[in-house]
Amino acid sequence: MAISRAQLAKELEPGLNALFGMEYDRYDAEHAEIYDTESSDRAFEEEVMLSGFGNAPTKAEGAGVNFDSANEVYTARYTHETIALAFALTQEAMEDNLYDRLGARYTRALARSMAHSKQVKAAATLNNAFSSSFTGGDGKELCATDHPIIAGTFKNELSTAADLNETSLEQAMIDIAAMTDERGLKIAARGTKMIIPSALQFTAERLMKSQGRTGTADNDVNAIVSMGMIPQGYRVNHYLTDTDAFFI
């Protein structure tokens, strides 16, 4: 439905001092702190999870060699979407507007709406990370304590949910260092960046910038800082909906 003069009545009258409500600064490209961006000309893209080999056993002299097998584990499919929004103006509204070009103003508002949708969709992966309604290739939500692997299970969230503090952050780093691959072999994983909602930015600043431990009178060093953990620091994503969730 086209925007008509009836919807823009004040913009058609002399004496209007200012127009406001559509021109704001915006949080832009926050998705780039989370994702690598690739281009595609297909309807969907697929990625296949492969398993390697297990731990090599000791072979007794003269004994035969044990054989292991590798195989595909699961396939993740990324189906592309199209986001679209448009507006229309009647010829009369364009001709009778007294103040500026309606089309240019609403085009900027349209660009803002499109950019906002992109950030909301990008943040949805983390906003739904703990929901069993949104599962990945292994049938589990993104963050779980029981991702099934060939060697048993794998966790990428705290065993006991906890707010962001010194203890929970250190435990997260310990858990990351203990991560294994599909066959249970240790991998050299480390946290590089923390993504947080705006509600946690002050907590994160104290935890990751203070030279001493926070919230204690002990004259102890801040281990997160002194050990160079999370070298890229933290980034605020204003589209995260859970004010307690943090991601490394």
Foldseek 3Di string as FASTA:
>chain_A
DADECVNVVVQLDPDDDDDDDQDDDDDFDPLVVPDDDDDDDDQKDKDWAKDDFADADDDDPPDDGDDDDIDTDWMWMGGDDDDDDDHHHDPVCQVRGDDDGPVVSVVSSRVVVVRVVVLLVSCVLVLCQQPLVDDTGQSGGNADCARQAPCGGAGQADPDDDFDFLVRVVVNQVSQQCGDDRNRHGDRGAAAEKEAAPLCPVRQCCLAPDQAHPPDPDRHGSCCNVVCGNVVGYDHRHSRDDRRDMDD
